[in-house]
Amino acid sequence: MNILGDKKKSEVIYEHSSLAILVAIPYENNTLVRAFFKQYKNKKNPPSDKVIGYKMIIDEEFDSLKIDFSNPCDFIISELKLFPLK
């Protein structure tokens, strides 16, 4: 019998097109983003719906990026683009 543990749902990384920053969207909000892109695919004027996310900042100690959970921000969904992590 195969026992499966709970899969930890984490943040999904997006690139903000106008601010040129990386944004971490919680998994719960990512379902809203995916539904938005599916509904308004190839539309010229999508609505300006917003989603809560976190900016990614540079960690000086480890010289890498980290998610700044201390400051949640609102981002317009149509300005987000999925960041490829491959």
N, C-alpha and C. Protein backbone atom coordinates (compact mmCIF):
# COMPACT_ATOMS: atom_id res chain seq x y z
N MET A 1 0.84 -1.17 0.00
CA MET A 1 0.00 0.00 0.00
C MET A 1 0.89 1.24 0.00
N ASN A 2 0.57 2.17 -0.85
CA ASN A 2 1.35 3.38 -0.98
C ASN A 2 0.74 4.49 -0.10
N ILE A 3 1.54 5.04 0.78
CA ILE A 3 1.06 6.10 1.67
C ILE A 3 1.57 7.42 1.13
N LEU A 4 0.66 8.31 0.87
CA LEU A 4 1.02 9.62 0.34
C LEU A 4 0.86 10.66 1.43
N GLY A 5 1.88 11.47 1.60
CA GLY A 5 1.82 12.55 2.57
C GLY A 5 1.17 13.78 1.96
N ASP A 6 0.88 14.73 2.79
CA ASP A 6 0.33 15.99 2.29
C ASP A 6 1.39 16.73 1.50
N LYS A 7 0.99 17.19 0.33
CA LYS A 7 1.90 18.00 -0.46
C LYS A 7 1.83 19.43 0.06
N LYS A 8 2.96 19.97 0.38
CA LYS A 8 3.00 21.34 0.88
C LYS A 8 2.82 22.29 -0.30
N LYS A 9 1.81 23.08 -0.22
CA LYS A 9 1.53 24.05 -1.26
C LYS A 9 2.28 25.33 -0.92
N SER A 10 3.11 25.79 -1.82
CA SER A 10 3.92 26.97 -1.55
C SER A 10 3.57 28.07 -2.54
N GLU A 11 4.38 29.08 -2.58
CA GLU A 11 4.14 30.23 -3.43
C GLU A 11 4.56 29.94 -4.88
N VAL A 12 3.91 30.64 -5.80
CA VAL A 12 4.23 30.55 -7.22
C VAL A 12 4.85 31.88 -7.63
N ILE A 13 5.93 31.82 -8.40
CA ILE A 13 6.68 33.02 -8.76
C ILE A 13 6.19 33.58 -10.10
N TYR A 14 5.91 34.89 -10.09
CA TYR A 14 5.50 35.61 -11.29
C TYR A 14 6.44 36.79 -11.49
N GLU A 15 6.51 37.25 -12.73
CA GLU A 15 7.26 38.46 -13.06
C GLU A 15 6.26 39.57 -13.31
N HIS A 16 6.46 40.71 -12.67
CA HIS A 16 5.58 41.86 -12.87
C HIS A 16 6.12 42.65 -14.06
N SER A 17 5.31 42.79 -15.10
CA SER A 17 5.81 43.36 -16.35
C SER A 17 6.17 44.84 -16.26
N SER A 18 5.38 45.65 -15.57
CA SER A 18 5.68 47.08 -15.55
C SER A 18 6.69 47.45 -14.46
N LEU A 19 6.71 46.74 -13.34
CA LEU A 19 7.66 47.05 -12.27
C LEU A 19 9.00 46.33 -12.43
N ALA A 20 9.06 45.31 -13.26
CA ALA A 20 10.26 44.51 -13.50
C ALA A 20 10.81 43.92 -12.21
N ILE A 21 9.92 43.31 -11.43
CA ILE A 21 10.31 42.62 -10.19
C ILE A 21 9.68 41.24 -10.20
N LEU A 22 10.18 40.38 -9.33
CA LEU A 22 9.58 39.07 -9.13
C LEU A 22 8.61 39.14 -7.96
N VAL A 23 7.49 38.44 -8.12
CA VAL A 23 6.42 38.47 -7.13
C VAL A 23 6.08 37.04 -6.76
N ALA A 24 5.92 36.77 -5.48
CA ALA A 24 5.51 35.46 -4.99
C ALA A 24 4.02 35.53 -4.64
N ILE A 25 3.23 34.70 -5.30
CA ILE A 25 1.80 34.64 -5.05
C ILE A 25 1.51 33.36 -4.27
N PRO A 26 0.82 33.45 -3.12
CA PRO A 26 0.47 32.24 -2.37
C PRO A 26 -0.37 31.29 -3.22
N TYR A 27 -0.27 30.00 -2.94
CA TYR A 27 -0.96 28.99 -3.74
C TYR A 27 -2.47 29.22 -3.78
N GLU A 28 -3.05 29.67 -2.67
CA GLU A 28 -4.49 29.90 -2.62
C GLU A 28 -4.89 30.99 -3.60
N ASN A 29 -4.07 32.04 -3.73
CA ASN A 29 -4.36 33.13 -4.65
C ASN A 29 -3.97 32.77 -6.08
N ASN A 30 -3.10 31.80 -6.25
CA ASN A 30 -2.68 31.39 -7.59
C ASN A 30 -3.85 30.79 -8.36
N THR A 31 -4.77 30.15 -7.68
CA THR A 31 -5.94 29.61 -8.37
C THR A 31 -6.78 30.74 -8.97
N LEU A 32 -6.84 31.89 -8.28
CA LEU A 32 -7.53 33.06 -8.81
C LEU A 32 -6.83 33.60 -10.06
N VAL A 33 -5.50 33.63 -10.02
CA VAL A 33 -4.71 34.12 -11.15
C VAL A 33 -4.89 33.21 -12.36
N ARG A 34 -4.83 31.91 -12.15
CA ARG A 34 -4.99 30.97 -13.25
C ARG A 34 -6.38 31.06 -13.86
N ALA A 35 -7.40 31.21 -13.02
CA ALA A 35 -8.77 31.35 -13.53
C ALA A 35 -8.93 32.65 -14.32
N PHE A 36 -8.29 33.72 -13.86
CA PHE A 36 -8.33 35.00 -14.56
C PHE A 36 -7.72 34.87 -15.95
N PHE A 37 -6.53 34.25 -16.04
CA PHE A 37 -5.86 34.10 -17.33
C PHE A 37 -6.65 33.19 -18.27
N LYS A 38 -7.31 32.19 -17.71
CA LYS A 38 -8.11 31.29 -18.54
C LYS A 38 -9.34 32.01 -19.08
N GLN A 39 -9.97 32.84 -18.26
CA GLN A 39 -11.18 33.54 -18.67
C GLN A 39 -10.90 34.66 -19.66
N TYR A 40 -9.82 35.39 -19.45
CA TYR A 40 -9.53 36.56 -20.29
C TYR A 40 -8.37 36.34 -21.25
N LYS A 41 -8.17 35.10 -21.67
CA LYS A 41 -7.09 34.79 -22.61
C LYS A 41 -7.38 35.46 -23.95
N ASN A 42 -6.38 36.14 -24.49
CA ASN A 42 -6.44 36.84 -25.78
C ASN A 42 -7.49 37.96 -25.83
N LYS A 43 -7.85 38.51 -24.72
CA LYS A 43 -8.76 39.66 -24.68
C LYS A 43 -7.93 40.94 -24.69
N LYS A 44 -8.44 41.96 -25.34
CA LYS A 44 -7.68 43.21 -25.46
C LYS A 44 -7.70 44.04 -24.19
N ASN A 45 -8.82 44.12 -23.51
CA ASN A 45 -8.94 44.95 -22.31
C ASN A 45 -9.44 44.14 -21.13
N PRO A 46 -8.56 43.36 -20.49
CA PRO A 46 -9.01 42.61 -19.31
C PRO A 46 -9.24 43.57 -18.14
N PRO A 47 -10.09 43.18 -17.20
CA PRO A 47 -10.33 44.06 -16.05
C PRO A 47 -9.09 44.15 -15.16
N SER A 48 -9.09 45.12 -14.29
CA SER A 48 -7.92 45.34 -13.43
C SER A 48 -8.13 44.68 -12.06
N ASP A 49 -8.40 43.39 -12.07
CA ASP A 49 -8.53 42.64 -10.81
C ASP A 49 -7.18 42.58 -10.12
N LYS A 50 -7.22 42.58 -8.78
CA LYS A 50 -5.97 42.56 -8.00
C LYS A 50 -5.88 41.28 -7.17
N VAL A 51 -4.65 40.93 -6.85
CA VAL A 51 -4.36 39.78 -6.01
C VAL A 51 -3.26 40.17 -5.03
N ILE A 52 -3.30 39.57 -3.85
CA ILE A 52 -2.29 39.85 -2.83
C ILE A 52 -1.08 38.96 -3.06
N GLY A 53 0.10 39.57 -3.02
CA GLY A 53 1.34 38.83 -3.19
C GLY A 53 2.46 39.49 -2.42
N TYR A 54 3.65 38.94 -2.56
CA TYR A 54 4.82 39.43 -1.83
C TYR A 54 5.97 39.68 -2.81
N LYS A 55 6.66 40.79 -2.62
CA LYS A 55 7.82 41.10 -3.44
C LYS A 55 8.98 40.20 -3.05
N MET A 56 9.85 39.92 -3.99
CA MET A 56 11.07 39.19 -3.71
C MET A 56 12.20 40.21 -3.62
N ILE A 57 12.98 40.09 -2.55
CA ILE A 57 14.07 41.04 -2.30
C ILE A 57 15.39 40.28 -2.22
N ILE A 58 16.48 41.01 -2.31
CA ILE A 58 17.81 40.40 -2.24
C ILE A 58 18.23 40.24 -0.79
N ASP A 59 18.65 39.03 -0.44
CA ASP A 59 19.17 38.74 0.89
C ASP A 59 20.68 38.92 0.85
N GLU A 60 21.15 39.94 1.53
CA GLU A 60 22.58 40.27 1.49
C GLU A 60 23.44 39.18 2.12
N GLU A 61 22.93 38.54 3.16
CA GLU A 61 23.72 37.53 3.88
C GLU A 61 24.04 36.32 3.01
N PHE A 62 23.05 35.84 2.26
CA PHE A 62 23.23 34.65 1.44
C PHE A 62 23.40 34.96 -0.05
N ASP A 63 23.32 36.25 -0.42
CA ASP A 63 23.46 36.69 -1.80
C ASP A 63 22.49 35.95 -2.72
N SER A 64 21.20 35.97 -2.32
CA SER A 64 20.17 35.32 -3.11
C SER A 64 18.85 36.07 -2.90
N LEU A 65 17.83 35.62 -3.60
CA LEU A 65 16.51 36.23 -3.46
C LEU A 65 15.73 35.54 -2.35
N LYS A 66 14.89 36.34 -1.67
CA LYS A 66 13.98 35.76 -0.67
C LYS A 66 12.67 36.51 -0.74
N ILE A 67 11.63 35.89 -0.23
CA ILE A 67 10.30 36.48 -0.23
C ILE A 67 10.15 37.35 1.01
N ASP A 68 9.70 38.58 0.81
CA ASP A 68 9.49 39.52 1.92
C ASP A 68 8.06 39.36 2.43
N PHE A 69 7.85 38.45 3.39
CA PHE A 69 6.53 38.18 3.93
C PHE A 69 6.03 39.29 4.85
N SER A 70 6.89 40.24 5.21
CA SER A 70 6.49 41.29 6.14
C SER A 70 5.65 42.37 5.47
N ASN A 71 5.64 42.42 4.15
CA ASN A 71 4.95 43.51 3.45
C ASN A 71 4.11 42.97 2.30
N PRO A 72 2.86 42.53 2.54
CA PRO A 72 2.02 42.09 1.43
C PRO A 72 1.58 43.28 0.58
N CYS A 73 1.50 43.06 -0.73
CA CYS A 73 1.14 44.13 -1.67
C CYS A 73 0.03 43.63 -2.59
N ASP A 74 -0.71 44.57 -3.17
CA ASP A 74 -1.71 44.25 -4.18
C ASP A 74 -1.09 44.41 -5.56
N PHE A 75 -1.31 43.41 -6.42
CA PHE A 75 -0.79 43.45 -7.77
C PHE A 75 -1.93 43.22 -8.75
N ILE A 76 -1.91 43.94 -9.87
CA ILE A 76 -2.91 43.76 -10.91
C ILE A 76 -2.57 42.47 -11.66
N ILE A 77 -3.55 41.59 -11.78
CA ILE A 77 -3.31 40.26 -12.33
C ILE A 77 -2.86 40.31 -13.78
N SER A 78 -3.43 41.22 -14.56
CA SER A 78 -3.08 41.26 -15.99
C SER A 78 -1.63 41.68 -16.23
N GLU A 79 -0.95 42.25 -15.23
CA GLU A 79 0.45 42.65 -15.38
C GLU A 79 1.42 41.56 -14.93
N LEU A 80 0.91 40.41 -14.52
CA LEU A 80 1.76 39.31 -14.06
C LEU A 80 2.00 38.32 -15.19
N LYS A 81 3.19 37.75 -15.20
CA LYS A 81 3.56 36.73 -16.17
C LYS A 81 4.29 35.63 -15.42
N LEU A 82 3.90 34.39 -15.63
CA LEU A 82 4.50 33.26 -14.93
C LEU A 82 5.99 33.21 -15.22
N PHE A 83 6.79 33.12 -14.16
CA PHE A 83 8.25 33.11 -14.30
C PHE A 83 8.73 31.67 -14.46
N PRO A 84 9.46 31.37 -15.53
CA PRO A 84 9.93 30.00 -15.73
C PRO A 84 11.08 29.67 -14.76
N LEU A 85 10.95 28.59 -14.04
CA LEU A 85 11.96 28.21 -13.05
C LEU A 85 12.82 27.04 -13.52
N LYS A 86 12.93 26.84 -14.81
CA LYS A 86 13.75 25.72 -15.31
C LYS A 86 15.13 26.15 -15.63
